[in-house]
């Protein structure tokens, strides 16, 4: 719990990646211009469900919200991180604590505030939608052998390898060790006519993810001016947890070039898999308050701590 008497600046949790990390848009606001509470609650539920599903290795359904305390509003353009921690595992239920932090990127300043915290209870479901034990025995010898491999052999083989450099299809991918710029789960409304998440959704999120380090570097508004590379390797499906990792490649006089790598975590019938979806290079230009180009390195710009970068 947060110490209300403390005057120390709030920081993001260390050594842990958020369950989801998103940037709200104007369509997510209420009549007062704030991001409406329902948007925050829905994403907190998704973040908690991600943790619960990974623990249960199955579908989960929300059955209770035991607490939800809002502390700060969220604004358009904030970078909102949802952190999930498993608090309790019952016979068929998983209780998850969710903490929500907002990074407010403004001219020469970035502020981190704690938006809310919640405790949400999920129940594990079988293929027929009925409650099932979270910790359940494998039914066959083959399943036991697969479980033994997953627990004791695969961890010794897993290593981080950039998928675009790997030709070995059997190599087990792992997520990069850095924090993602964005991390979210696509919904059915994001699919094309074939049931895949349409490429435009992936590209739009890539643009947002690339803008995060560009905003932090420029400490001003930025605009996308070019996409120099976009190569799709794998489709994205509803229910995947998609992580967008971005890093600055080059800083010019007024421009910032960012490399974005996209990975999808996929859970299908107890099989957890990570695929490299795409990689892209995007170029942004720094803008002043009038929307005109300005230098990235300019007098009065405050150098931000690397701790708040993706």
Protein backbone atom coordinates (compact mmCIF):
# COMPACT_ATOMS: atom_id res chain seq x y z
CA UNK A 1 0.00 0.00 0.00
CA UNK A 2 1.15 3.57 -0.70
CA UNK A 3 2.39 5.63 2.25
CA UNK A 4 0.16 8.72 2.15
CA UNK A 5 2.57 10.64 4.43
CA UNK A 6 5.53 10.18 2.10
CA UNK A 7 6.64 13.14 -0.01
CA UNK A 8 9.06 11.07 -2.12
CA UNK A 9 8.34 10.97 -5.86
CA UNK A 10 6.34 7.93 -6.94
CA UNK A 11 8.24 5.48 -9.14
CA UNK A 12 7.13 2.50 -11.21
CA UNK A 13 7.64 -0.96 -9.65
CA UNK A 14 11.17 -2.19 -10.30
CA UNK A 15 12.29 -5.55 -11.75
CA UNK A 16 8.77 -6.40 -12.96
CA UNK A 17 7.01 -5.83 -16.26
CA UNK A 18 3.46 -4.50 -16.34
CA UNK A 19 0.68 -6.92 -17.26
CA UNK A 20 -0.55 -4.28 -19.73
CA UNK A 21 0.66 -0.79 -20.70
CA UNK A 22 -1.57 1.43 -22.81
CA UNK A 23 -2.08 5.03 -23.92
CA UNK A 24 -5.70 6.29 -23.80
CA UNK A 25 -7.13 8.36 -26.65
CA UNK A 26 -9.82 11.09 -26.82
CA UNK A 27 -12.50 8.45 -27.54
CA UNK A 28 -11.90 7.10 -24.01
CA UNK A 29 -12.83 10.33 -22.18
CA UNK A 30 -15.93 11.30 -20.22
CA UNK A 31 -17.82 14.59 -20.60
CA UNK A 32 -15.19 16.42 -18.52
CA UNK A 33 -12.22 15.37 -20.67
CA UNK A 34 -10.88 12.84 -18.15
CA UNK A 35 -10.47 9.17 -19.05
CA UNK A 36 -13.66 7.61 -17.70
CA UNK A 37 -13.45 5.17 -14.80
CA UNK A 38 -14.94 2.33 -16.82
CA UNK A 39 -11.97 2.40 -19.20
CA UNK A 40 -9.56 2.09 -16.28
CA UNK A 41 -11.61 -0.70 -14.67
CA UNK A 42 -11.86 -2.66 -17.93
CA UNK A 43 -8.09 -2.53 -18.45
CA UNK A 44 -7.45 -3.43 -14.81
CA UNK A 45 -9.70 -6.46 -15.35
CA UNK A 46 -7.72 -7.43 -18.49
CA UNK A 47 -4.42 -7.04 -16.64
CA UNK A 48 -5.62 -9.15 -13.74
CA UNK A 49 -7.03 -11.77 -16.10
CA UNK A 50 -3.67 -12.04 -17.86
CA UNK A 51 -1.97 -12.94 -14.57
CA UNK A 52 -4.78 -15.32 -13.55
CA UNK A 53 -4.84 -17.10 -16.94
CA UNK A 54 -1.06 -17.59 -16.86
CA UNK A 55 -1.37 -19.13 -13.38
CA UNK A 56 -4.40 -21.28 -14.18
CA UNK A 57 -3.18 -22.23 -17.69
CA UNK A 58 -6.79 -21.98 -18.85
CA UNK A 59 -9.63 -19.58 -19.52
CA UNK A 60 -10.68 -17.49 -16.55
CA UNK A 61 -13.77 -15.45 -15.71
CA UNK A 62 -14.11 -12.51 -13.34
CA UNK A 63 -16.32 -13.38 -10.38
CA UNK A 64 -15.69 -10.58 -7.88
CA UNK A 65 -14.04 -7.21 -7.35
CA UNK A 66 -13.33 -6.93 -3.64
CA UNK A 67 -11.89 -3.39 -3.76
CA UNK A 68 -11.36 -0.52 -6.18
CA UNK A 69 -9.99 2.80 -4.88
CA UNK A 70 -9.33 5.66 -7.31
CA UNK A 71 -6.62 8.15 -6.27
CA UNK A 72 -5.86 10.19 -9.41
CA UNK A 73 -7.54 10.84 -12.78
CA UNK A 74 -6.03 9.72 -16.09
CA UNK A 75 -5.63 12.12 -19.00
CA UNK A 76 -5.42 11.64 -22.76
CA UNK A 77 -1.81 10.89 -23.73
CA UNK A 78 -0.82 9.46 -20.35
CA UNK A 79 1.11 6.21 -20.46
CA UNK A 80 -0.83 3.92 -18.13
CA UNK A 81 0.77 0.77 -16.67
CA UNK A 82 -1.23 -2.02 -15.01
CA UNK A 83 0.75 -4.29 -12.69
CA UNK A 84 -0.77 -7.58 -11.52
CA UNK A 85 0.37 -9.69 -8.57
CA UNK A 86 -1.22 -12.96 -7.50
CA UNK A 87 -2.43 -12.53 -3.92
CA UNK A 88 -4.11 -15.90 -3.35
CA UNK A 89 -4.80 -19.18 -5.16
CA UNK A 90 -7.84 -21.20 -4.12
CA UNK A 91 -9.18 -24.50 -5.40
CA UNK A 92 -10.76 -22.96 -8.52
CA UNK A 93 -10.05 -19.26 -7.98
CA UNK A 94 -7.14 -16.86 -8.38
CA UNK A 95 -7.11 -13.51 -6.56
CA UNK A 96 -5.02 -10.79 -8.19
CA UNK A 97 -3.91 -7.41 -6.83
CA UNK A 98 -3.75 -4.80 -9.60
CA UNK A 99 -1.92 -1.49 -9.26
CA UNK A 100 -2.26 1.23 -11.88
CA UNK A 101 0.31 3.97 -12.50
CA UNK A 102 0.18 6.85 -14.98
CA UNK A 103 3.19 8.55 -16.58
CA UNK A 104 2.32 12.10 -17.61
CA UNK A 105 4.69 13.32 -20.28
CA UNK A 106 4.61 17.11 -20.46
CA UNK A 107 6.93 19.85 -21.71
CA UNK A 108 10.28 19.33 -19.94
CA UNK A 109 8.61 17.22 -17.25
CA UNK A 110 7.37 13.69 -16.65
CA UNK A 111 5.29 12.90 -13.57
CA UNK A 112 4.30 9.47 -12.28
CA UNK A 113 1.12 9.13 -10.24
CA UNK A 114 -0.63 6.13 -8.73
CA UNK A 115 -4.11 6.04 -10.25
CA UNK A 116 -5.80 3.15 -8.46
CA UNK A 117 -5.43 -0.24 -6.88
CA UNK A 118 -7.86 -3.11 -7.00
CA UNK A 119 -8.31 -6.71 -5.93
CA UNK A 120 -10.07 -8.95 -8.44
CA UNK A 121 -11.07 -12.61 -8.14
CA UNK A 122 -11.11 -14.94 -11.16
CA UNK A 123 -12.27 -18.54 -11.55
CA UNK A 124 -10.53 -21.09 -13.80
CA UNK A 125 -12.78 -22.58 -16.51
CA UNK A 126 -12.56 -25.73 -18.62
CA UNK A 127 -13.38 -25.97 -22.33
CA UNK A 128 -17.11 -26.14 -21.50
CA UNK A 129 -16.98 -23.01 -19.37
CA UNK A 130 -17.30 -24.87 -16.05
CA UNK A 131 -15.13 -24.12 -12.97
CA UNK A 132 -12.10 -26.39 -12.71
CA UNK A 133 -9.21 -26.70 -10.23
CA UNK A 134 -6.39 -24.24 -10.77
CA UNK A 135 -3.82 -26.89 -9.86
CA UNK A 136 -5.08 -29.93 -11.73
CA UNK A 137 -3.25 -33.18 -12.58
CA UNK A 138 -2.22 -34.00 -16.11
CA UNK A 139 -4.49 -36.67 -17.52
CA UNK A 140 -2.06 -38.74 -19.59
CA UNK A 141 1.51 -39.96 -19.48
CA UNK A 142 2.18 -37.86 -22.56
CA UNK A 143 0.94 -34.75 -20.74
CA UNK A 144 3.19 -35.61 -17.78
CA UNK A 145 6.18 -35.94 -20.10
CA UNK A 146 5.38 -32.60 -21.73
CA UNK A 147 5.01 -30.98 -18.31
CA UNK A 148 8.40 -32.39 -17.24
CA UNK A 149 10.00 -30.89 -20.36
CA UNK A 150 8.34 -27.52 -19.75
CA UNK A 151 9.44 -27.40 -16.11
CA UNK A 152 12.97 -28.78 -16.24
CA UNK A 153 14.32 -28.82 -19.80
CA UNK A 154 12.94 -25.79 -21.64
CA UNK A 155 14.10 -23.28 -19.00
CA UNK A 156 17.69 -24.42 -19.61
CA UNK A 157 17.29 -23.91 -23.35
CA UNK A 158 15.43 -20.59 -23.35
CA UNK A 159 17.45 -17.52 -24.19
CA UNK A 160 16.72 -14.15 -25.67
CA UNK A 161 17.37 -14.20 -29.39
CA UNK A 162 16.16 -11.50 -31.77
CA UNK A 163 13.76 -13.37 -34.01
CA UNK A 164 14.80 -11.40 -37.07
CA UNK A 165 18.32 -12.82 -36.66
CA UNK A 166 17.23 -16.40 -35.97
CA UNK A 167 16.80 -19.01 -38.70
CA UNK A 168 16.06 -21.85 -36.26
CA UNK A 169 12.29 -22.41 -36.13
CA UNK A 170 12.66 -24.68 -33.08
CA UNK A 171 14.43 -22.06 -30.98
CA UNK A 172 12.39 -21.01 -27.96
CA UNK A 173 11.86 -17.25 -27.93
CA UNK A 174 11.76 -15.20 -24.76
CA UNK A 175 10.68 -11.61 -24.27
CA UNK A 176 13.37 -8.92 -24.12
CA UNK A 177 14.55 -8.04 -20.61
CA UNK A 178 13.63 -4.36 -21.00
CA UNK A 179 10.21 -2.92 -20.16
CA UNK A 180 7.79 -2.73 -23.09
CA UNK A 181 6.63 0.67 -24.29
CA UNK A 182 3.13 -0.80 -24.63
CA UNK A 183 1.60 -4.13 -23.65
CA UNK A 184 -2.03 -4.93 -24.39
CA UNK A 185 -4.56 -7.53 -25.49
CA UNK A 186 -6.52 -7.14 -28.75
CA UNK A 187 -10.28 -7.73 -28.76
CA UNK A 188 -12.72 -9.10 -31.42
CA UNK A 189 -13.43 -5.54 -32.60
CA UNK A 190 -9.79 -5.38 -33.76
CA UNK A 191 -10.06 -8.34 -36.19
CA UNK A 192 -10.40 -8.49 -39.96
CA UNK A 193 -12.84 -10.69 -41.88
CA UNK A 194 -10.61 -13.75 -41.36
CA UNK A 195 -10.53 -13.49 -37.57
CA UNK A 196 -6.93 -12.23 -37.40
CA UNK A 197 -6.15 -8.95 -35.71
CA UNK A 198 -5.82 -6.59 -38.68
CA UNK A 199 -2.40 -5.21 -39.52
CA UNK A 200 -3.60 -1.63 -39.12
CA UNK A 201 -4.18 -2.26 -35.40
CA UNK A 202 -0.63 -3.54 -35.02
CA UNK A 203 0.78 -0.61 -37.01
CA UNK A 204 -1.18 1.99 -35.03
CA UNK A 205 0.06 0.54 -31.73
CA UNK A 206 3.62 0.44 -33.14
CA UNK A 207 3.31 4.14 -33.88
CA UNK A 208 2.18 4.83 -30.29
CA UNK A 209 4.97 2.63 -28.88
CA UNK A 210 7.60 4.37 -30.98
CA UNK A 211 6.29 7.77 -29.89
CA UNK A 212 6.90 6.94 -26.20
CA UNK A 213 10.74 7.14 -26.25
CA UNK A 214 10.54 9.92 -28.85
CA UNK A 215 8.38 12.01 -26.49
CA UNK A 216 10.73 11.35 -23.60
CA UNK A 217 13.77 12.27 -25.67
CA UNK A 218 12.26 15.39 -27.26
CA UNK A 219 10.34 16.52 -24.16
CA UNK A 220 7.76 18.00 -26.52
CA UNK A 221 5.08 17.00 -28.98
CA UNK A 222 6.26 14.71 -31.78
CA UNK A 223 4.78 13.77 -35.14
CA UNK A 224 5.40 10.69 -37.27
CA UNK A 225 7.06 11.64 -40.55
CA UNK A 226 8.28 8.31 -41.96
CA UNK A 227 8.14 4.54 -41.61
CA UNK A 228 11.30 3.12 -43.12
CA UNK A 229 10.64 -0.56 -42.46
CA UNK A 230 7.66 -2.77 -41.55
CA UNK A 231 7.98 -6.55 -41.89
CA UNK A 232 5.23 -8.86 -40.61
CA UNK A 233 6.34 -12.35 -39.56
CA UNK A 234 3.36 -13.77 -37.62
CA UNK A 235 -0.36 -12.95 -37.30
CA UNK A 236 -1.88 -11.72 -34.03
CA UNK A 237 -5.02 -13.34 -32.57
CA UNK A 238 -7.67 -12.20 -30.14
CA UNK A 239 -6.50 -12.99 -26.61
CA UNK A 240 -2.78 -12.70 -27.38
CA UNK A 241 -0.81 -10.47 -25.03
CA UNK A 242 1.10 -8.20 -27.40
CA UNK A 243 4.22 -6.35 -26.22
CA UNK A 244 5.79 -3.45 -28.13
CA UNK A 245 9.46 -2.79 -27.32
CA UNK A 246 10.97 0.45 -28.59
CA UNK A 247 14.47 1.92 -28.54
CA UNK A 248 16.01 5.01 -30.04
CA UNK A 249 18.36 4.32 -32.94
CA UNK A 250 19.30 7.84 -33.94
CA UNK A 251 18.72 11.42 -32.83
CA UNK A 252 19.03 14.11 -35.51
CA UNK A 253 18.67 17.86 -35.31
CA UNK A 254 14.86 17.77 -35.21
CA UNK A 255 14.17 14.05 -35.74
CA UNK A 256 14.27 10.84 -33.70
CA UNK A 257 14.44 7.37 -35.30
CA UNK A 258 12.97 4.56 -33.22
CA UNK A 259 13.15 0.77 -33.68
CA UNK A 260 10.03 -1.14 -32.54
CA UNK A 261 9.89 -4.91 -32.00
CA UNK A 262 6.54 -6.64 -31.43
CA UNK A 263 6.05 -9.97 -29.65
CA UNK A 264 2.86 -11.90 -28.93
CA UNK A 265 2.41 -14.27 -25.98
CA UNK A 266 -0.04 -17.01 -26.87
CA UNK A 267 -1.74 -19.48 -24.51
CA UNK A 268 -3.53 -22.30 -26.32
CA UNK A 269 -4.65 -25.45 -24.48
CA UNK A 270 -1.96 -25.25 -21.80
CA UNK A 271 0.73 -24.43 -24.41
CA UNK A 272 2.46 -21.09 -23.82
CA UNK A 273 4.25 -19.71 -26.83
CA UNK A 274 5.98 -16.46 -27.80
CA UNK A 275 6.15 -15.34 -31.43
CA UNK A 276 7.90 -12.37 -33.03
CA UNK A 277 5.15 -10.52 -34.89
CA UNK A 278 6.94 -7.68 -36.61
CA UNK A 279 9.68 -5.09 -36.42
CA UNK A 280 9.61 -1.54 -37.69
CA UNK A 281 11.60 1.66 -37.88
CA UNK A 282 9.73 4.94 -37.46
CA UNK A 283 10.95 8.53 -37.68
CA UNK A 284 9.43 11.29 -35.53
CA UNK A 285 10.01 15.05 -35.59
CA UNK A 286 9.96 17.28 -32.49
CA UNK A 287 7.34 20.06 -32.54
CA UNK A 288 6.91 23.24 -30.53
CA UNK A 289 3.62 24.56 -29.09
CA UNK A 290 2.67 26.01 -32.52
CA UNK A 291 3.26 22.68 -34.28
CA UNK A 292 6.47 23.84 -35.95
CA UNK A 293 9.68 21.81 -36.08
CA UNK A 294 12.12 22.44 -33.26
CA UNK A 295 15.50 21.08 -32.25
CA UNK A 296 15.56 17.95 -30.11
CA UNK A 297 18.54 19.28 -28.15
CA UNK A 298 17.61 22.86 -27.26
CA UNK A 299 18.31 25.28 -24.40
CA UNK A 300 16.19 24.68 -21.30
CA UNK A 301 15.37 21.04 -22.07
CA UNK A 302 15.51 18.86 -18.95
CA UNK A 303 17.35 15.54 -19.22
CA UNK A 304 15.03 12.83 -17.88
CA UNK A 305 16.14 9.90 -15.74
CA UNK A 306 16.55 6.63 -17.63
CA UNK A 307 14.36 4.96 -14.96
CA UNK A 308 11.21 6.33 -16.57
CA UNK A 309 12.11 5.17 -20.07
CA UNK A 310 10.65 1.95 -21.57
